[in-house]
N, C-alpha and C. Protein backbone atom coordinates (compact mmCIF):
# COMPACT_ATOMS: atom_id res chain seq x y z
N MET A 1 0.49 -21.04 -45.39
CA MET A 1 0.38 -21.72 -44.60
C MET A 1 -1.06 -22.55 -45.39
N ARG A 2 -1.94 -21.93 -44.84
CA ARG A 2 -3.26 -22.78 -45.42
C ARG A 2 -3.66 -23.36 -46.44
N GLU A 3 -2.76 -22.43 -48.02
CA GLU A 3 -2.78 -22.61 -48.88
C GLU A 3 -2.54 -24.22 -49.12
N ILE A 4 -1.53 -24.37 -48.63
CA ILE A 4 -0.33 -25.73 -49.25
C ILE A 4 -1.26 -26.56 -47.48
N ILE A 5 -2.16 -26.72 -46.80
CA ILE A 5 -3.12 -27.51 -45.61
C ILE A 5 -3.77 -28.08 -46.57
N SER A 6 -4.59 -26.82 -47.82
CA SER A 6 -6.04 -26.95 -48.07
C SER A 6 -6.07 -28.26 -49.43
N GLU A 7 -4.97 -27.57 -49.94
CA GLU A 7 -3.90 -28.54 -51.63
C GLU A 7 -3.57 -29.62 -51.47
N LYS A 8 -3.16 -29.73 -49.86
CA LYS A 8 -2.72 -31.71 -49.69
C LYS A 8 -3.89 -32.29 -48.70
N ILE A 9 -4.87 -32.38 -48.31
CA ILE A 9 -6.38 -32.46 -48.38
C ILE A 9 -7.20 -33.07 -49.59
N VAL A 10 -7.05 -31.61 -49.90
CA VAL A 10 -7.23 -32.47 -51.65
C VAL A 10 -6.39 -32.80 -52.46
N SER A 11 -5.15 -33.23 -52.79
CA SER A 11 -4.10 -34.35 -53.17
C SER A 11 -4.49 -35.54 -52.00
N GLU A 12 -4.67 -35.76 -51.26
CA GLU A 12 -4.48 -36.66 -50.81
C GLU A 12 -6.28 -36.98 -50.89
N LEU A 13 -7.17 -36.73 -50.82
CA LEU A 13 -8.27 -37.43 -51.31
C LEU A 13 -8.49 -37.74 -52.87
N GLY A 14 -7.95 -36.62 -53.63
CA GLY A 14 -7.96 -37.23 -55.48
C GLY A 14 -7.10 -38.71 -55.25
N PHE A 15 -5.82 -38.62 -54.82
CA PHE A 15 -5.52 -40.45 -54.35
C PHE A 15 -6.30 -41.53 -53.69
N GLY A 16 -7.14 -41.68 -52.81
CA GLY A 16 -7.92 -42.39 -52.48
C GLY A 16 -9.36 -42.65 -53.73
N LEU A 17 -9.61 -41.75 -53.65
CA LEU A 17 -10.66 -41.08 -54.82
C LEU A 17 -9.55 -42.56 -55.96
N ASP A 18 -8.85 -42.32 -56.76
CA ASP A 18 -7.87 -42.95 -57.54
C ASP A 18 -7.96 -44.67 -57.20
N TRP A 19 -7.14 -44.88 -55.69
CA TRP A 19 -7.36 -45.92 -55.65
C TRP A 19 -8.92 -46.97 -55.80
N ALA A 20 -9.73 -45.62 -54.94
CA ALA A 20 -11.50 -46.52 -55.05
C ALA A 20 -11.39 -47.00 -56.35
N ALA A 21 -11.28 -45.88 -56.92
CA ALA A 21 -11.80 -46.38 -58.90
C ALA A 21 -10.94 -47.83 -59.05
N LYS A 22 -9.72 -47.46 -59.25
CA LYS A 22 -8.87 -48.77 -59.17
C LYS A 22 -9.50 -49.89 -58.74
N ARG A 23 -9.52 -49.51 -57.50
CA ARG A 23 -10.32 -51.50 -57.35
C ARG A 23 -11.46 -51.79 -57.67
N GLN A 24 -12.67 -50.88 -57.52
CA GLN A 24 -13.51 -50.55 -58.62
C GLN A 24 -13.53 -51.40 -59.58
N ARG A 25 -12.74 -51.04 -60.50
CA ARG A 25 -12.32 -51.82 -61.97
C ARG A 25 -11.69 -53.53 -61.41
N THR A 26 -10.93 -53.53 -60.22
CA THR A 26 -9.48 -55.04 -60.24
C THR A 26 -11.23 -56.24 -59.93
N ILE A 27 -11.99 -56.03 -59.00
CA ILE A 27 -13.10 -56.07 -58.35
C ILE A 27 -13.72 -56.92 -59.52
N ALA A 28 -14.58 -56.06 -60.30
CA ALA A 28 -15.50 -55.84 -61.81
C ALA A 28 -14.80 -57.18 -62.33
N ASN A 29 -13.01 -56.76 -62.14
CA ASN A 29 -12.77 -57.38 -63.11
C ASN A 29 -13.04 -58.99 -62.83
N ASN A 30 -12.43 -59.10 -61.24
CA ASN A 30 -12.88 -60.37 -61.07
C ASN A 30 -13.94 -61.20 -60.98
N ILE A 31 -14.83 -60.39 -60.42
CA ILE A 31 -16.46 -61.19 -60.73
C ILE A 31 -16.50 -61.62 -62.14
N ALA A 32 -15.65 -60.53 -63.20
CA ALA A 32 -15.79 -61.08 -64.79
C ALA A 32 -15.13 -62.86 -64.97
N ASN A 33 -15.02 -62.42 -64.30
CA ASN A 33 -13.26 -63.89 -64.36
C ASN A 33 -14.12 -64.98 -64.02
N VAL A 34 -15.36 -64.78 -62.82
CA VAL A 34 -15.39 -65.77 -62.02
C VAL A 34 -15.20 -67.56 -62.62
N ASP A 35 -15.58 -67.80 -63.33
CA ASP A 35 -15.70 -68.88 -64.67
C ASP A 35 -14.89 -69.40 -65.12
N THR A 36 -13.73 -68.35 -65.81
CA THR A 36 -12.76 -68.72 -66.39
C THR A 36 -11.09 -69.54 -65.50
N ALA A 37 -11.45 -70.33 -66.27
CA ALA A 37 -10.30 -71.57 -65.45
C ALA A 37 -8.58 -70.67 -65.16
N GLY A 38 -8.30 -70.75 -64.26
CA GLY A 38 -6.79 -70.71 -63.61
C GLY A 38 -7.11 -69.35 -63.43
N TYR A 39 -7.46 -68.47 -63.39
CA TYR A 39 -8.03 -66.88 -63.32
C TYR A 39 -7.72 -67.16 -61.78
N LYS A 40 -7.06 -66.44 -61.35
CA LYS A 40 -6.29 -65.54 -60.11
C LYS A 40 -6.64 -64.12 -59.50
N ARG A 41 -7.34 -64.11 -58.14
CA ARG A 41 -7.79 -63.29 -57.54
C ARG A 41 -6.43 -61.74 -57.98
N ARG A 42 -7.48 -60.69 -58.62
CA ARG A 42 -6.47 -58.96 -57.83
C ARG A 42 -7.02 -58.63 -57.35
N ASP A 43 -6.09 -57.63 -56.85
CA ASP A 43 -6.04 -56.76 -55.96
C ASP A 43 -5.98 -56.04 -55.81
N VAL A 44 -5.95 -54.49 -55.04
CA VAL A 44 -5.42 -53.06 -55.26
C VAL A 44 -4.47 -52.82 -54.10
N THR A 45 -3.39 -52.91 -54.08
CA THR A 45 -2.65 -52.60 -52.33
C THR A 45 -2.19 -51.21 -51.99
N PHE A 46 -3.27 -50.90 -50.84
CA PHE A 46 -3.47 -49.08 -50.33
C PHE A 46 -2.38 -48.49 -49.34
N PRO A 47 -2.38 -50.00 -48.70
CA PRO A 47 -1.15 -48.76 -48.31
C PRO A 47 0.13 -48.57 -47.67
N GLU A 48 0.42 -49.68 -48.89
CA GLU A 48 2.13 -50.09 -49.35
C GLU A 48 2.31 -48.50 -50.15
N THR A 49 0.78 -48.36 -51.52
CA THR A 49 0.82 -47.62 -52.54
C THR A 49 0.64 -46.06 -51.68
N LEU A 50 0.09 -45.82 -50.44
CA LEU A 50 -0.37 -44.36 -49.81
C LEU A 50 1.12 -44.68 -49.37
N THR A 51 2.18 -45.14 -48.50
CA THR A 51 3.49 -44.89 -48.23
C THR A 51 4.22 -44.31 -49.36
N GLN A 52 4.46 -44.85 -50.40
CA GLN A 52 5.00 -44.10 -51.67
C GLN A 52 4.71 -43.29 -52.14
N ALA A 53 3.35 -42.67 -52.02
CA ALA A 53 3.46 -41.70 -52.86
C ALA A 53 3.72 -40.76 -51.69
N ALA A 54 3.57 -41.27 -50.23
CA ALA A 54 4.05 -40.03 -49.55
C ALA A 54 5.60 -39.74 -49.06
N LYS A 55 6.28 -40.75 -49.49
CA LYS A 55 7.64 -40.97 -49.43
C LYS A 55 7.61 -39.74 -51.16
N ASN A 56 6.86 -39.92 -51.95
CA ASN A 56 7.33 -39.00 -53.50
C ASN A 56 7.18 -37.51 -53.36
N GLN A 57 5.63 -37.33 -52.64
CA GLN A 57 5.35 -36.13 -52.37
C GLN A 57 6.18 -34.29 -52.56
N ASP A 58 7.54 -34.94 -51.82
CA ASP A 58 8.02 -33.68 -52.39
C ASP A 58 8.55 -33.68 -53.25
N LYS A 59 8.97 -35.26 -53.69
CA LYS A 59 9.68 -34.90 -55.35
C LYS A 59 9.04 -34.14 -56.60
N GLU A 60 7.49 -35.08 -56.13
CA GLU A 60 6.71 -34.66 -57.23
C GLU A 60 6.28 -32.76 -57.04
N LEU A 61 6.14 -32.52 -55.81
CA LEU A 61 5.88 -31.08 -55.08
C LEU A 61 7.21 -29.79 -56.44
N SER A 62 8.47 -30.16 -56.26
CA SER A 62 8.92 -29.79 -57.08
C SER A 62 9.20 -30.01 -58.06
N LEU A 63 8.99 -31.06 -58.58
CA LEU A 63 9.76 -31.60 -60.26
C LEU A 63 8.75 -31.45 -60.78
N MET A 64 6.69 -31.28 -60.74
CA MET A 64 6.07 -31.76 -61.41
C MET A 64 4.72 -30.18 -61.77
N ARG A 65 4.95 -28.96 -60.68
CA ARG A 65 4.58 -28.34 -60.29
C ARG A 65 5.44 -27.38 -60.74
N THR A 66 4.49 -26.72 -62.42
CA THR A 66 5.10 -25.47 -62.76
C THR A 66 4.59 -23.58 -61.58
N HIS A 67 3.47 -24.32 -61.37
CA HIS A 67 3.50 -22.70 -60.24
C HIS A 67 2.84 -22.90 -59.10
N GLU A 68 3.66 -22.77 -58.02
CA GLU A 68 3.62 -23.48 -56.45
C GLU A 68 1.74 -23.47 -56.30
N ARG A 69 1.32 -22.85 -56.86
CA ARG A 69 -0.03 -22.83 -56.48
C ARG A 69 -1.36 -24.10 -57.39
N HIS A 70 -0.49 -24.57 -57.89
CA HIS A 70 -1.06 -26.25 -58.89
C HIS A 70 -1.47 -27.05 -57.88
N LEU A 71 -2.20 -27.42 -58.36
CA LEU A 71 -2.07 -28.62 -58.18
C LEU A 71 -1.27 -29.86 -58.25
N LEU A 72 -1.24 -31.19 -57.79
CA LEU A 72 -0.78 -32.16 -57.58
C LEU A 72 -1.33 -33.07 -59.09
N PRO A 73 0.13 -33.87 -60.02
CA PRO A 73 -1.30 -34.69 -60.91
C PRO A 73 -1.62 -35.76 -59.82
N SER A 74 -2.30 -36.52 -60.69
CA SER A 74 -3.26 -38.30 -60.20
C SER A 74 -1.52 -38.88 -59.98
N THR A 75 -1.92 -39.71 -58.77
CA THR A 75 -0.85 -40.84 -58.32
C THR A 75 -1.39 -42.01 -58.73
N ASN A 76 -2.28 -41.94 -59.67
CA ASN A 76 -2.77 -43.33 -59.79
C ASN A 76 -2.18 -44.44 -60.73
N GLU A 77 -1.08 -43.84 -61.66
CA GLU A 77 -0.59 -44.74 -62.03
C GLU A 77 0.63 -45.47 -60.83
N ASP A 78 0.87 -45.21 -59.91
CA ASP A 78 1.76 -45.41 -58.93
C ASP A 78 0.62 -47.16 -57.89
N LEU A 79 -0.10 -47.05 -58.58
CA LEU A 79 -1.04 -47.66 -57.72
C LEU A 79 -0.54 -49.15 -57.91
N SER A 80 -0.44 -50.12 -56.92
CA SER A 80 -0.21 -51.54 -57.93
C SER A 80 -0.48 -52.74 -57.40
N THR A 81 -0.93 -53.52 -57.83
CA THR A 81 -1.91 -54.24 -58.46
C THR A 81 -1.28 -56.12 -57.81
N THR A 82 -2.25 -56.73 -57.09
CA THR A 82 -1.22 -57.67 -56.63
C THR A 82 -1.73 -59.06 -57.03
N VAL A 83 -1.98 -60.16 -57.08
CA VAL A 83 -2.80 -61.19 -57.63
C VAL A 83 -2.10 -62.70 -56.57
N HIS A 84 -3.56 -63.07 -56.50
CA HIS A 84 -3.13 -63.86 -55.40
C HIS A 84 -3.25 -65.41 -56.03
N MET A 85 -2.21 -65.60 -55.71
CA MET A 85 -2.10 -67.18 -56.52
C MET A 85 -1.83 -68.16 -55.28
N GLY A 86 -1.81 -67.88 -54.54
CA GLY A 86 -1.67 -68.97 -52.54
C GLY A 86 -2.87 -70.23 -53.24
N THR A 87 -4.10 -70.15 -53.40
CA THR A 87 -4.73 -70.74 -53.08
C THR A 87 -5.47 -70.73 -54.20
N SER A 88 -7.10 -71.78 -54.17
CA SER A 88 -7.76 -72.08 -55.63
C SER A 88 -9.16 -72.18 -54.86
N HIS A 89 -10.80 -72.36 -55.02
CA HIS A 89 -11.14 -72.50 -54.87
C HIS A 89 -11.55 -73.97 -55.77
N ARG A 90 -11.52 -74.04 -56.23
CA ARG A 90 -11.76 -74.90 -57.41
C ARG A 90 -11.33 -75.85 -57.77
N ASN A 91 -11.64 -76.47 -58.35
CA ASN A 91 -10.17 -77.87 -59.60
C ASN A 91 -10.16 -76.98 -60.72
N ASP A 92 -10.60 -76.32 -61.35
CA ASP A 92 -10.07 -75.61 -62.42
C ASP A 92 -8.92 -74.56 -62.50
N GLY A 93 -8.44 -74.51 -61.09
CA GLY A 93 -7.53 -73.40 -60.60
C GLY A 93 -7.98 -72.13 -60.25
N ASN A 94 -9.15 -71.50 -60.68
CA ASN A 94 -10.00 -70.46 -60.23
C ASN A 94 -9.86 -69.98 -58.67
N ASN A 95 -9.66 -68.96 -58.04
CA ASN A 95 -9.42 -68.09 -56.78
C ASN A 95 -10.42 -67.25 -56.41
N VAL A 96 -11.53 -66.62 -57.46
CA VAL A 96 -12.43 -66.06 -56.99
C VAL A 96 -13.24 -66.06 -55.96
N ASP A 97 -13.56 -65.48 -55.18
CA ASP A 97 -15.08 -66.30 -54.16
C ASP A 97 -16.65 -65.34 -54.69
N ILE A 98 -17.07 -65.72 -55.11
CA ILE A 98 -17.40 -64.02 -55.97
C ILE A 98 -18.75 -63.82 -54.49
N GLU A 99 -19.25 -64.33 -53.41
CA GLU A 99 -19.26 -63.87 -52.20
C GLU A 99 -18.66 -62.64 -51.61
N LEU A 100 -17.37 -63.08 -51.82
CA LEU A 100 -15.76 -62.16 -50.66
C LEU A 100 -15.98 -60.87 -51.95
N GLU A 101 -16.25 -60.97 -53.10
CA GLU A 101 -15.88 -60.28 -54.19
C GLU A 101 -17.02 -59.00 -53.87
N THR A 102 -18.13 -59.44 -53.96
CA THR A 102 -19.44 -58.40 -53.83
C THR A 102 -19.18 -58.13 -52.74
N ALA A 103 -19.03 -58.77 -51.47
CA ALA A 103 -18.81 -57.67 -49.95
C ALA A 103 -18.19 -56.78 -50.15
N GLU A 104 -16.83 -56.91 -51.30
CA GLU A 104 -15.56 -56.10 -51.03
C GLU A 104 -16.00 -54.89 -51.96
N LEU A 105 -16.66 -55.04 -52.85
CA LEU A 105 -17.10 -53.90 -54.05
C LEU A 105 -18.15 -53.02 -53.14
N ALA A 106 -19.65 -53.82 -52.47
CA ALA A 106 -20.28 -52.79 -51.35
C ALA A 106 -19.19 -52.00 -50.64
N LYS A 107 -18.06 -52.43 -50.19
CA LYS A 107 -17.43 -52.04 -48.80
C LYS A 107 -16.22 -50.55 -50.16
N ASN A 108 -16.13 -50.86 -51.10
CA ASN A 108 -15.22 -50.18 -51.75
C ASN A 108 -16.37 -48.77 -52.64
N SER A 109 -17.61 -49.38 -53.14
CA SER A 109 -18.40 -48.33 -52.81
C SER A 109 -19.05 -47.40 -52.09
N LEU A 110 -18.85 -47.93 -50.36
CA LEU A 110 -19.03 -47.10 -49.58
C LEU A 110 -17.94 -46.08 -49.59
N TYR A 111 -16.36 -46.68 -49.52
CA TYR A 111 -15.47 -45.91 -49.05
C TYR A 111 -15.72 -44.74 -50.49
N TYR A 112 -15.50 -45.02 -51.73
CA TYR A 112 -15.35 -44.06 -52.81
C TYR A 112 -17.07 -43.22 -52.23
N ASN A 113 -18.10 -43.96 -52.23
CA ASN A 113 -18.64 -42.66 -51.91
C ASN A 113 -18.48 -41.53 -50.85
N ALA A 114 -18.08 -42.05 -49.62
CA ALA A 114 -17.22 -40.96 -48.19
C ALA A 114 -16.77 -39.86 -48.81
N LEU A 115 -15.84 -40.35 -49.72
CA LEU A 115 -14.87 -39.48 -50.19
C LEU A 115 -15.54 -38.62 -50.94
N ILE A 116 -15.92 -38.97 -51.97
CA ILE A 116 -16.67 -38.46 -52.32
C ILE A 116 -17.71 -36.64 -52.05
N GLU A 117 -18.17 -37.39 -50.86
CA GLU A 117 -18.68 -36.33 -49.91
C GLU A 117 -17.77 -35.73 -49.07
N ARG A 118 -17.05 -36.13 -49.19
CA ARG A 118 -15.40 -35.06 -48.31
C ARG A 118 -15.65 -34.26 -48.92
N VAL A 119 -15.23 -34.74 -49.79
CA VAL A 119 -14.55 -33.84 -51.32
C VAL A 119 -15.49 -32.36 -51.38
N GLY A 120 -16.46 -33.23 -51.56
CA GLY A 120 -17.60 -31.80 -51.72
C GLY A 120 -17.45 -30.92 -50.64
N GLY A 121 -17.92 -31.45 -49.61
CA GLY A 121 -18.07 -30.52 -48.02
C GLY A 121 -17.02 -29.76 -48.78
N HIS A 122 -15.56 -30.22 -48.84
CA HIS A 122 -14.56 -29.50 -49.46
C HIS A 122 -14.60 -28.60 -49.29
N PHE A 123 -14.92 -28.81 -50.54
CA PHE A 123 -15.21 -27.40 -51.50
C PHE A 123 -16.50 -26.43 -51.66
N ARG A 124 -17.81 -27.36 -50.62
CA ARG A 124 -18.47 -26.51 -50.12
C ARG A 124 -18.02 -25.37 -49.00
N ASN A 125 -17.06 -25.90 -47.88
CA ASN A 125 -16.92 -24.60 -46.96
C ASN A 125 -15.90 -23.67 -47.87
N LEU A 126 -15.21 -24.22 -48.87
CA LEU A 126 -14.37 -23.24 -49.77
C LEU A 126 -15.38 -22.56 -50.05
N ARG A 127 -16.43 -22.61 -50.47
CA ARG A 127 -17.50 -21.47 -51.61
C ARG A 127 -17.70 -20.88 -50.02
N MET A 128 -18.15 -20.97 -48.99
CA MET A 128 -18.69 -20.53 -48.12
C MET A 128 -18.02 -19.84 -47.60
N VAL A 129 -16.84 -19.80 -47.97
CA VAL A 129 -16.12 -18.99 -47.23
C VAL A 129 -15.21 -17.62 -48.16
N ILE A 130 -15.44 -18.29 -49.21
CA ILE A 130 -15.47 -17.25 -50.93
C ILE A 130 -16.35 -15.96 -50.50
N SER A 131 -17.34 -17.02 -50.31
CA SER A 131 -18.77 -15.80 -50.35
C SER A 131 -19.28 -15.07 -49.64
N GLU A 132 -18.28 -15.78 -48.29
CA GLU A 132 -18.65 -14.82 -46.26
C GLU A 132 -17.43 -13.37 -46.67
N GLY A 133 -16.80 -14.18 -47.39
CA GLY A 133 -15.91 -12.88 -47.17
C GLY A 133 -16.27 -11.29 -48.13
N ARG A 134 -17.16 -11.67 -49.05
CA ARG A 134 -17.12 -11.02 -50.11
C ARG A 134 -18.10 -10.02 -49.51
N ARG A 135 -19.16 -10.37 -48.11
CA ARG A 135 -20.00 -9.46 -47.37
C ARG A 135 -19.60 -8.09 -46.37
């Protein structure tokens, strides 16, 4: 039972890292297109994607594993990007707000670093349990 819990933790942390990495690329793309006429801001949806991934986890578990101890594959392809079409900040139709994007970039970086720290902590704990078990 403990193996399943540990595996689920790694899988969910990996999903969060995939989401943060895709969001980082999306925000960087928004910043790169801040002066492109007609460009519309994009974002990566998380709650909807997480709900969908949770629904599909049991299916993935049975369909994509060749052995019960193998980790689940990355769910990065399930991440959906939304385009914000409703607003425009300028006459050229561009709706990218550079201040909002830099704030979102900083927030996403903090989130990503927190997940990396948690993943590292999880594996440090596993290493400690293994090394203490040898004594």
